[in-house]
Amino acid sequence: MDRETKETYSFTVSARDGGGLVSNSTVNVIILDENDNSPYFPQNDFYKTDINEKTHLGAIILTVVADDKDSGPNGQITYSINNSNADLFTIDPVSGLVR
């Protein structure tokens, strides 16, 4: 079962006694999310922006957006910069705003 394909299932069960009396009950199955999807950048794996050399420090130069098909905490995304230019640029870990 894959929660991203189908989140719930429903079926009816019956109980019948020896005298022919029947009772029915509905069972609802909710598929819980497992962290089985990596975050991805739906727009691009590569972003490009041009900035003026007089752009002031702290100006927003770009916003990156990622998505994750998992739900709840498993789908929560945190952004970070992971290279040698991290001293020149910052990224808001929640919004993806690059300054």
PDB file of N, CA and C in Angstrom:
ATOM      1  N   MET A   1       0.842  -1.185   0.000  1.00  0.00           N
ATOM      2  CA  MET A   1       0.000   0.000   0.000  1.00  0.00           C
ATOM      3  C   MET A   1       0.879   1.238   0.000  1.00  0.00           C
ATOM      4  N   ASP A   2       0.445   2.231  -0.722  1.00  0.00           N
ATOM      5  CA  ASP A   2       1.198   3.471  -0.822  1.00  0.00           C
ATOM      6  C   ASP A   2       0.264   4.632  -0.486  1.00  0.00           C
ATOM      7  N   ARG A   3       0.524   5.309   0.632  1.00  0.00           N
ATOM      8  CA  ARG A   3      -0.339   6.394   1.086  1.00  0.00           C
ATOM      9  C   ARG A   3      -0.443   7.504   0.056  1.00  0.00           C
ATOM     10  N   GLU A   4       0.624   7.740  -0.710  1.00  0.00           N
ATOM     11  CA  GLU A   4       0.581   8.806  -1.703  1.00  0.00           C
ATOM     12  C   GLU A   4      -0.357   8.455  -2.869  1.00  0.00           C
ATOM     13  N   THR A   5      -0.644   7.179  -3.054  1.00  0.00           N
ATOM     14  CA  THR A   5      -1.574   6.745  -4.099  1.00  0.00           C
ATOM     15  C   THR A   5      -3.005   6.695  -3.581  1.00  0.00           C
ATOM     16  N   LYS A   6      -3.182   6.097  -2.406  1.00  0.00           N
ATOM     17  CA  LYS A   6      -4.509   5.995  -1.796  1.00  0.00           C
ATOM     18  C   LYS A   6      -4.352   6.014  -0.278  1.00  0.00           C
ATOM     19  N   GLU A   7      -5.034   6.961   0.377  1.00  0.00           N
ATOM     20  CA  GLU A   7      -4.863   7.169   1.818  1.00  0.00           C
ATOM     21  C   GLU A   7      -5.794   6.333   2.678  1.00  0.00           C
ATOM     22  N   THR A   8      -6.968   5.981   2.156  1.00  0.00           N
ATOM     23  CA  THR A   8      -7.941   5.249   2.973  1.00  0.00           C
ATOM     24  C   THR A   8      -8.581   4.118   2.173  1.00  0.00           C
ATOM     25  N   TYR A   9      -8.976   3.094   2.901  1.00  0.00           N
ATOM     26  CA  TYR A   9      -9.717   1.964   2.347  1.00  0.00           C
ATOM     27  C   TYR A   9     -10.916   1.723   3.261  1.00  0.00           C
ATOM     28  N   SER A  10     -11.993   1.241   2.681  1.00  0.00           N
ATOM     29  CA  SER A  10     -13.195   0.977   3.455  1.00  0.00           C
ATOM     30  C   SER A  10     -13.816  -0.323   2.966  1.00  0.00           C
ATOM     31  N   PHE A  11     -14.298  -1.132   3.914  1.00  0.00           N
ATOM     32  CA  PHE A  11     -15.005  -2.363   3.548  1.00  0.00           C
ATOM     33  C   PHE A  11     -15.988  -2.709   4.652  1.00  0.00           C
ATOM     34  N   THR A  12     -16.925  -3.600   4.328  1.00  0.00           N
ATOM     35  CA  THR A  12     -17.955  -4.015   5.277  1.00  0.00           C
ATOM     36  C   THR A  12     -17.721  -5.463   5.659  1.00  0.00           C
ATOM     37  N   VAL A  13     -17.820  -5.750   6.948  1.00  0.00           N
ATOM     38  CA  VAL A  13     -17.739  -7.130   7.431  1.00  0.00           C
ATOM     39  C   VAL A  13     -19.115  -7.523   7.981  1.00  0.00           C
ATOM     40  N   SER A  14     -19.438  -8.793   7.833  1.00  0.00           N
ATOM     41  CA  SER A  14     -20.727  -9.308   8.312  1.00  0.00           C
ATOM     42  C   SER A  14     -20.487 -10.424   9.315  1.00  0.00           C
ATOM     43  N   ALA A  15     -21.355 -10.493  10.296  1.00  0.00           N
ATOM     44  CA  ALA A  15     -21.372 -11.599  11.259  1.00  0.00           C
ATOM     45  C   ALA A  15     -22.764 -12.230  11.192  1.00  0.00           C
ATOM     46  N   ARG A  16     -22.820 -13.548  11.032  1.00  0.00           N
ATOM     47  CA  ARG A  16     -24.102 -14.246  10.915  1.00  0.00           C
ATOM     48  C   ARG A  16     -24.115 -15.367  11.962  1.00  0.00           C
ATOM     49  N   ASP A  17     -25.200 -15.445  12.717  1.00  0.00           N
ATOM     50  CA  ASP A  17     -25.298 -16.513  13.707  1.00  0.00           C
ATOM     51  C   ASP A  17     -26.030 -17.718  13.110  1.00  0.00           C
ATOM     52  N   GLY A  18     -26.099 -18.790  13.864  1.00  0.00           N
ATOM     53  CA  GLY A  18     -26.718 -20.026  13.401  1.00  0.00           C
ATOM     54  C   GLY A  18     -28.200 -19.895  13.096  1.00  0.00           C
ATOM     55  N   GLY A  19     -28.869 -18.886  13.656  1.00  0.00           N
ATOM     56  CA  GLY A  19     -30.291 -18.686  13.406  1.00  0.00           C
ATOM     57  C   GLY A  19     -30.553 -17.771  12.211  1.00  0.00           C
ATOM     58  N   GLY A  20     -29.505 -17.317  11.535  1.00  0.00           N
ATOM     59  CA  GLY A  20     -29.670 -16.505  10.339  1.00  0.00           C
ATOM     60  C   GLY A  20     -29.690 -15.009  10.578  1.00  0.00           C
ATOM     61  N   LEU A  21     -29.506 -14.565  11.840  1.00  0.00           N
ATOM     62  CA  LEU A  21     -29.454 -13.125  12.096  1.00  0.00           C
ATOM     63  C   LEU A  21     -28.081 -12.588  11.683  1.00  0.00           C
ATOM     64  N   VAL A  22     -28.091 -11.404  11.099  1.00  0.00           N
ATOM     65  CA  VAL A  22     -26.863 -10.823  10.543  1.00  0.00           C
ATOM     66  C   VAL A  22     -26.636  -9.431  11.117  1.00  0.00           C
ATOM     67  N   SER A  23     -25.385  -9.115  11.337  1.00  0.00           N
ATOM     68  CA  SER A  23     -24.994  -7.758  11.722  1.00  0.00           C
ATOM     69  C   SER A  23     -23.829  -7.346  10.819  1.00  0.00           C
ATOM     70  N   ASN A  24     -23.841  -6.093  10.387  1.00  0.00           N
ATOM     71  CA  ASN A  24     -22.786  -5.562   9.519  1.00  0.00           C
ATOM     72  C   ASN A  24     -22.065  -4.426  10.221  1.00  0.00           C
ATOM     73  N   SER A  25     -20.802  -4.288   9.904  1.00  0.00           N
ATOM     74  CA  SER A  25     -20.013  -3.179  10.426  1.00  0.00           C
ATOM     75  C   SER A  25     -19.048  -2.721   9.329  1.00  0.00           C
ATOM     76  N   THR A  26     -18.858  -1.426   9.270  1.00  0.00           N
ATOM     77  CA  THR A  26     -17.928  -0.866   8.292  1.00  0.00           C
ATOM     78  C   THR A  26     -16.566  -0.675   8.935  1.00  0.00           C
ATOM     79  N   VAL A  27     -15.530  -1.048   8.203  1.00  0.00           N
ATOM     80  CA  VAL A  27     -14.158  -0.871   8.662  1.00  0.00           C
ATOM     81  C   VAL A  27     -13.494   0.166   7.768  1.00  0.00           C
ATOM     82  N   ASN A  28     -12.927   1.196   8.368  1.00  0.00           N
ATOM     83  CA  ASN A  28     -12.159   2.208   7.641  1.00  0.00           C
ATOM     84  C   ASN A  28     -10.690   2.039   7.997  1.00  0.00           C
ATOM     85  N   VAL A  29      -9.849   1.886   6.998  1.00  0.00           N
ATOM     86  CA  VAL A  29      -8.405   1.722   7.199  1.00  0.00           C
ATOM     87  C   VAL A  29      -7.725   2.980   6.686  1.00  0.00           C
ATOM     88  N   ILE A  30      -6.960   3.628   7.554  1.00  0.00           N
ATOM     89  CA  ILE A  30      -6.210   4.825   7.182  1.00  0.00           C
ATOM     90  C   ILE A  30      -4.738   4.431   7.099  1.00  0.00           C
ATOM     91  N   ILE A  31      -4.123   4.688   5.951  1.00  0.00           N
ATOM     92  CA  ILE A  31      -2.720   4.355   5.740  1.00  0.00           C
ATOM     93  C   ILE A  31      -1.871   5.483   6.319  1.00  0.00           C
ATOM     94  N   LEU A  32      -1.001   5.147   7.250  1.00  0.00           N
ATOM     95  CA  LEU A  32      -0.116   6.135   7.862  1.00  0.00           C
ATOM     96  C   LEU A  32       1.068   6.393   6.943  1.00  0.00           C
ATOM     97  N   ASP A  33       1.574   7.605   7.009  1.00  0.00           N
ATOM     98  CA  ASP A  33       2.673   7.999   6.137  1.00  0.00           C
ATOM     99  C   ASP A  33       4.002   7.477   6.647  1.00  0.00           C
ATOM    100  N   GLU A  34       4.798   6.972   5.725  1.00  0.00           N
ATOM    101  CA  GLU A  34       6.181   6.602   6.003  1.00  0.00           C
ATOM    102  C   GLU A  34       7.053   7.556   5.208  1.00  0.00           C
ATOM    103  N   ASN A  35       8.194   7.909   5.748  1.00  0.00           N
ATOM    104  CA  ASN A  35       9.087   8.844   5.057  1.00  0.00           C
ATOM    105  C   ASN A  35       9.791   8.108   3.921  1.00  0.00           C
ATOM    106  N   ASP A  36       9.076   7.961   2.798  1.00  0.00           N
ATOM    107  CA  ASP A  36       9.606   7.193   1.673  1.00  0.00           C
ATOM    108  C   ASP A  36       9.791   8.030   0.413  1.00  0.00           C
ATOM    109  N   ASN A  37       9.677   9.356   0.532  1.00  0.00           N
ATOM    110  CA  ASN A  37       9.894  10.249  -0.606  1.00  0.00           C
ATOM    111  C   ASN A  37      10.912  11.317  -0.236  1.00  0.00           C
ATOM    112  N   SER A  38      11.842  11.553  -1.138  1.00  0.00           N
ATOM    113  CA  SER A  38      12.828  12.620  -0.944  1.00  0.00           C
ATOM    114  C   SER A  38      12.231  13.946  -1.379  1.00  0.00           C
ATOM    115  N   PRO A  39      12.687  15.042  -0.774  1.00  0.00           N
ATOM    116  CA  PRO A  39      12.256  16.349  -1.277  1.00  0.00           C
ATOM    117  C   PRO A  39      12.759  16.525  -2.709  1.00  0.00           C
ATOM    118  N   TYR A  40      12.051  17.353  -3.466  1.00  0.00           N
ATOM    119  CA  TYR A  40      12.470  17.627  -4.841  1.00  0.00           C
ATOM    120  C   TYR A  40      12.118  19.068  -5.181  1.00  0.00           C
ATOM    121  N   PHE A  41      12.794  19.598  -6.187  1.00  0.00           N
ATOM    122  CA  PHE A  41      12.543  20.950  -6.670  1.00  0.00           C
ATOM    123  C   PHE A  41      11.698  20.844  -7.930  1.00  0.00           C
ATOM    124  N   PRO A  42      10.367  21.093  -7.834  1.00  0.00           N
ATOM    125  CA  PRO A  42       9.505  20.916  -8.999  1.00  0.00           C
ATOM    126  C   PRO A  42       9.802  21.899 -10.137  1.00  0.00           C
ATOM    127  N   GLN A  43      10.294  23.088  -9.805  1.00  0.00           N
ATOM    128  CA  GLN A  43      10.567  24.084 -10.837  1.00  0.00           C
ATOM    129  C   GLN A  43      11.860  23.741 -11.566  1.00  0.00           C
ATOM    130  N   ASN A  44      12.875  23.367 -10.811  1.00  0.00           N
ATOM    131  CA  ASN A  44      14.198  23.244 -11.390  1.00  0.00           C
ATOM    132  C   ASN A  44      15.154  22.594 -10.401  1.00  0.00           C
ATOM    133  N   ASP A  45      16.125  21.872 -10.919  1.00  0.00           N
ATOM    134  CA  ASP A  45      17.238  21.430 -10.071  1.00  0.00           C
ATOM    135  C   ASP A  45      18.349  22.479 -10.098  1.00  0.00           C
ATOM    136  N   PHE A  46      18.174  23.472 -10.950  1.00  0.00           N
ATOM    137  CA  PHE A  46      19.188  24.508 -11.116  1.00  0.00           C
ATOM    138  C   PHE A  46      18.484  25.860 -11.131  1.00  0.00           C
ATOM    139  N   TYR A  47      18.914  26.761 -10.274  1.00  0.00           N
ATOM    140  CA  TYR A  47      18.358  28.115 -10.228  1.00  0.00           C
ATOM    141  C   TYR A  47      19.434  29.088 -10.686  1.00  0.00           C
ATOM    142  N   LYS A  48      19.015  30.150 -11.358  1.00  0.00           N
ATOM    143  CA  LYS A  48      19.938  31.201 -11.772  1.00  0.00           C
ATOM    144  C   LYS A  48      19.301  32.535 -11.465  1.00  0.00           C
ATOM    145  N   THR A  49      20.087  33.452 -10.953  1.00  0.00           N
ATOM    146  CA  THR A  49      19.604  34.810 -10.725  1.00  0.00           C
ATOM    147  C   THR A  49      20.740  35.771 -11.022  1.00  0.00           C
ATOM    148  N   ASP A  50      20.413  36.925 -11.505  1.00  0.00           N
ATOM    149  CA  ASP A  50      21.389  37.982 -11.763  1.00  0.00           C
ATOM    150  C   ASP A  50      21.154  39.086 -10.744  1.00  0.00           C
ATOM    151  N   ILE A  51      22.234  39.576 -10.164  1.00  0.00           N
ATOM    152  CA  ILE A  51      22.106  40.687  -9.215  1.00  0.00           C
ATOM    153  C   ILE A  51      23.120  41.766  -9.584  1.00  0.00           C
ATOM    154  N   ASN A  52      22.767  42.982  -9.300  1.00  0.00           N
ATOM    155  CA  ASN A  52      23.626  44.124  -9.533  1.00  0.00           C
ATOM    156  C   ASN A  52      24.749  44.113  -8.511  1.00  0.00           C
ATOM    157  N   GLU A  53      25.927  44.518  -8.927  1.00  0.00           N
ATOM    158  CA  GLU A  53      27.058  44.524  -7.991  1.00  0.00           C
ATOM    159  C   GLU A  53      26.854  45.496  -6.830  1.00  0.00           C
ATOM    160  N   LYS A  54      25.907  46.411  -6.961  1.00  0.00           N
ATOM    161  CA  LYS A  54      25.618  47.358  -5.881  1.00  0.00           C
ATOM    162  C   LYS A  54      24.469  46.888  -4.993  1.00  0.00           C
ATOM    163  N   THR A  55      24.009  45.658  -5.208  1.00  0.00           N
ATOM    164  CA  THR A  55      22.945  45.111  -4.361  1.00  0.00           C
ATOM    165  C   THR A  55      23.425  45.093  -2.918  1.00  0.00           C
ATOM    166  N   HIS A  56      22.594  45.616  -2.029  1.00  0.00           N
ATOM    167  CA  HIS A  56      23.028  45.707  -0.630  1.00  0.00           C
ATOM    168  C   HIS A  56      22.973  44.340   0.060  1.00  0.00           C
ATOM    169  N   LEU A  57      23.857  44.162   0.992  1.00  0.00           N
ATOM    170  CA  LEU A  57      23.933  42.935   1.775  1.00  0.00           C
ATOM    171  C   LEU A  57      22.604  42.717   2.500  1.00  0.00           C
ATOM    172  N   GLY A  58      22.060  41.542   2.413  1.00  0.00           N
ATOM    173  CA  GLY A  58      20.799  41.220   3.058  1.00  0.00           C
ATOM    174  C   GLY A  58      19.592  41.324   2.136  1.00  0.00           C
ATOM    175  N   ALA A  59      19.793  41.799   0.906  1.00  0.00           N
ATOM    176  CA  ALA A  59      18.677  41.887  -0.047  1.00  0.00           C
ATOM    177  C   ALA A  59      18.286  40.474  -0.491  1.00  0.00           C
ATOM    178  N   ILE A  60      17.002  40.273  -0.695  1.00  0.00           N
ATOM    179  CA  ILE A  60      16.531  38.984  -1.195  1.00  0.00           C
ATOM    180  C   ILE A  60      16.893  38.896  -2.676  1.00  0.00           C
ATOM    181  N   ILE A  61      17.595  37.829  -3.041  1.00  0.00           N
ATOM    182  CA  ILE A  61      18.008  37.688  -4.434  1.00  0.00           C
ATOM    183  C   ILE A  61      17.295  36.537  -5.150  1.00  0.00           C
ATOM    184  N   LEU A  62      16.666  35.653  -4.379  1.00  0.00           N
ATOM    185  CA  LEU A  62      16.048  34.480  -4.983  1.00  0.00           C
ATOM    186  C   LEU A  62      15.224  33.753  -3.926  1.00  0.00           C
ATOM    187  N   THR A  63      14.179  33.082  -4.357  1.00  0.00           N
ATOM    188  CA  THR A  63      13.442  32.165  -3.480  1.00  0.00           C
ATOM    189  C   THR A  63      13.439  30.800  -4.135  1.00  0.00           C
ATOM    190  N   VAL A  64      13.895  29.801  -3.413  1.00  0.00           N
ATOM    191  CA  VAL A  64      13.839  28.427  -3.910  1.00  0.00           C
ATOM    192  C   VAL A  64      12.631  27.739  -3.279  1.00  0.00           C
ATOM    193  N   VAL A  65      12.040  26.814  -4.033  1.00  0.00           N
ATOM    194  CA  VAL A  65      10.855  26.115  -3.552  1.00  0.00           C
ATOM    195  C   VAL A  65      11.042  24.624  -3.799  1.00  0.00           C
ATOM    196  N   ALA A  66      10.892  23.841  -2.744  1.00  0.00           N
ATOM    197  CA  ALA A  66      10.951  22.386  -2.850  1.00  0.00           C
ATOM    198  C   ALA A  66       9.638  21.802  -2.349  1.00  0.00           C
ATOM    199  N   ASP A  67       9.403  20.555  -2.692  1.00  0.00           N
ATOM    200  CA  ASP A  67       8.188  19.869  -2.273  1.00  0.00           C
ATOM    201  C   ASP A  67       8.570  18.463  -1.822  1.00  0.00           C
ATOM    202  N   ASP A  68       7.682  17.847  -1.070  1.00  0.00           N
ATOM    203  CA  ASP A  68       7.875  16.475  -0.608  1.00  0.00           C
ATOM    204  C   ASP A  68       6.506  15.820  -0.573  1.00  0.00           C
ATOM    205  N   LYS A  69       6.367  14.667  -1.178  1.00  0.00           N
ATOM    206  CA  LYS A  69       5.060  14.006  -1.258  1.00  0.00           C
ATOM    207  C   LYS A  69       4.635  13.384   0.065  1.00  0.00           C
ATOM    208  N   ASP A  70       5.561  13.266   1.019  1.00  0.00           N
ATOM    209  CA  ASP A  70       5.180  12.742   2.326  1.00  0.00           C
ATOM    210  C   ASP A  70       4.331  13.774   3.063  1.00  0.00           C
ATOM    211  N   SER A  71       3.617  13.335   4.096  1.00  0.00           N
ATOM    212  CA  SER A  71       2.746  14.249   4.831  1.00  0.00           C
ATOM    213  C   SER A  71       3.275  14.493   6.237  1.00  0.00           C
ATOM    214  N   GLY A  72       2.711  15.504   6.884  1.00  0.00           N
ATOM    215  CA  GLY A  72       3.067  15.817   8.271  1.00  0.00           C
ATOM    216  C   GLY A  72       4.550  16.104   8.416  1.00  0.00           C
ATOM    217  N   PRO A  73       5.132  15.694   9.534  1.00  0.00           N
ATOM    218  CA  PRO A  73       6.558  15.951   9.768  1.00  0.00           C
ATOM    219  C   PRO A  73       7.456  15.328   8.703  1.00  0.00           C
ATOM    220  N   ASN A  74       7.022  14.220   8.105  1.00  0.00           N
ATOM    221  CA  ASN A  74       7.830  13.573   7.069  1.00  0.00           C
ATOM    222  C   ASN A  74       7.939  14.411   5.803  1.00  0.00           C
ATOM    223  N   GLY A  75       7.016  15.328   5.590  1.00  0.00           N
ATOM    224  CA  GLY A  75       7.036  16.167   4.403  1.00  0.00           C
ATOM    225  C   GLY A  75       7.525  17.577   4.671  1.00  0.00           C
ATOM    226  N   GLN A  76       7.942  17.850   5.905  1.00  0.00           N
ATOM    227  CA  GLN A  76       8.403  19.186   6.269  1.00  0.00           C
ATOM    228  C   GLN A  76       9.814  19.410   5.720  1.00  0.00           C
ATOM    229  N   ILE A  77      10.014  20.516   5.029  1.00  0.00           N
ATOM    230  CA  ILE A  77      11.284  20.796   4.354  1.00  0.00           C
ATOM    231  C   ILE A  77      12.043  21.880   5.093  1.00  0.00           C
ATOM    232  N   THR A  78      13.356  21.690   5.217  1.00  0.00           N
ATOM    233  CA  THR A  78      14.255  22.687   5.786  1.00  0.00           C
ATOM    234  C   THR A  78      15.345  22.962   4.756  1.00  0.00           C
ATOM    235  N   TYR A  79      15.575  24.234   4.449  1.00  0.00           N
ATOM    236  CA  TYR A  79      16.563  24.629   3.452  1.00  0.00           C
ATOM    237  C   TYR A  79      17.893  24.978   4.125  1.00  0.00           C
ATOM    238  N   SER A  80      18.986  24.706   3.409  1.00  0.00           N
ATOM    239  CA  SER A  80      20.312  25.106   3.881  1.00  0.00           C
ATOM    240  C   SER A  80      21.240  25.260   2.678  1.00  0.00           C
ATOM    241  N   ILE A  81      22.312  25.989   2.868  1.00  0.00           N
ATOM    242  CA  ILE A  81      23.341  26.149   1.838  1.00  0.00           C
ATOM    243  C   ILE A  81      24.495  25.239   2.212  1.00  0.00           C
ATOM    244  N   ASN A  82      24.937  24.440   1.253  1.00  0.00           N
ATOM    245  CA  ASN A  82      25.912  23.395   1.562  1.00  0.00           C
ATOM    246  C   ASN A  82      27.207  23.499   0.772  1.00  0.00           C
ATOM    247  N   ASN A  83      27.723  24.706   0.563  1.00  0.00           N
ATOM    248  CA  ASN A  83      29.010  24.793  -0.125  1.00  0.00           C
ATOM    249  C   ASN A  83      29.828  25.959   0.396  1.00  0.00           C
ATOM    250  N   SER A  84      30.933  26.228  -0.273  1.00  0.00           N
ATOM    251  CA  SER A  84      31.877  27.236   0.218  1.00  0.00           C
ATOM    252  C   SER A  84      31.334  28.661   0.153  1.00  0.00           C
ATOM    253  N   ASN A  85      30.255  28.907  -0.572  1.00  0.00           N
ATOM    254  CA  ASN A  85      29.688  30.253  -0.643  1.00  0.00           C
ATOM    255  C   ASN A  85      28.729  30.555   0.498  1.00  0.00           C
ATOM    256  N   ALA A  86      28.642  29.663   1.444  1.00  0.00           N
ATOM    257  CA  ALA A  86      27.724  29.858   2.566  1.00  0.00           C
ATOM    258  C   ALA A  86      28.077  31.096   3.379  1.00  0.00           C
ATOM    259  N   ASP A  87      29.311  31.567   3.303  1.00  0.00           N
ATOM    260  CA  ASP A  87      29.672  32.780   4.042  1.00  0.00           C
ATOM    261  C   ASP A  87      29.194  34.051   3.329  1.00  0.00           C
ATOM    262  N   LEU A  88      28.869  33.963   2.042  1.00  0.00           N
ATOM    263  CA  LEU A  88      28.392  35.111   1.287  1.00  0.00           C
ATOM    264  C   LEU A  88      26.867  35.200   1.238  1.00  0.00           C
ATOM    265  N   PHE A  89      26.210  34.077   1.345  1.00  0.00           N
ATOM    266  CA  PHE A  89      24.762  34.014   1.187  1.00  0.00           C
ATOM    267  C   PHE A  89      24.138  33.299   2.375  1.00  0.00           C
ATOM    268  N   THR A  90      22.888  33.643   2.644  1.00  0.00           N
ATOM    269  CA  THR A  90      22.128  32.929   3.671  1.00  0.00           C
ATOM    270  C   THR A  90      20.803  32.495   3.055  1.00  0.00           C
ATOM    271  N   ILE A  91      20.220  31.462   3.640  1.00  0.00           N
ATOM    272  CA  ILE A  91      18.905  31.018   3.198  1.00  0.00           C
ATOM    273  C   ILE A  91      18.022  30.844   4.419  1.00  0.00           C
ATOM    274  N   ASP A  92      16.795  31.317   4.330  1.00  0.00           N
ATOM    275  CA  ASP A  92      15.852  31.099   5.416  1.00  0.00           C
ATOM    276  C   ASP A  92      15.478  29.621   5.409  1.00  0.00           C
ATOM    277  N   PRO A  93      15.688  28.914   6.503  1.00  0.00           N
ATOM    278  CA  PRO A  93      15.469  27.471   6.511  1.00  0.00           C
ATOM    279  C   PRO A  93      14.023  27.048   6.282  1.00  0.00           C
ATOM    280  N   VAL A  94      13.071  27.975   6.488  1.00  0.00           N
ATOM    281  CA  VAL A  94      11.657  27.641   6.315  1.00  0.00           C
ATOM    282  C   VAL A  94      11.107  28.137   4.977  1.00  0.00           C
ATOM    283  N   SER A  95      11.402  29.383   4.617  1.00  0.00           N
ATOM    284  CA  SER A  95      10.796  29.994   3.426  1.00  0.00           C
ATOM    285  C   SER A  95      11.580  29.771   2.139  1.00  0.00           C
ATOM    286  N   GLY A  96      12.889  29.501   2.230  1.00  0.00           N
ATOM    287  CA  GLY A  96      13.704  29.341   1.039  1.00  0.00           C
ATOM    288  C   GLY A  96      14.194  30.660   0.450  1.00  0.00           C
ATOM    289  N   LEU A  97      14.006  31.772   1.177  1.00  0.00           N
ATOM    290  CA  LEU A  97      14.494  33.071   0.700  1.00  0.00           C
ATOM    291  C   LEU A  97      16.015  33.104   0.811  1.00  0.00           C
ATOM    292  N   VAL A  98      16.671  33.429  -0.319  1.00  0.00           N
ATOM    293  CA  VAL A  98      18.138  33.532  -0.349  1.00  0.00           C
ATOM    294  C   VAL A  98      18.503  34.997  -0.312  1.00  0.00           C
ATOM    295  N   ARG A  99      19.395  35.335   0.590  1.00  0.00           N
ATOM    296  CA  ARG A  99      19.888  36.717   0.736  1.00  0.00           C
ATOM    297  C   ARG A  99      21.390  36.721   0.515  1.00  0.00           C
TER     298      ARG A  99
END
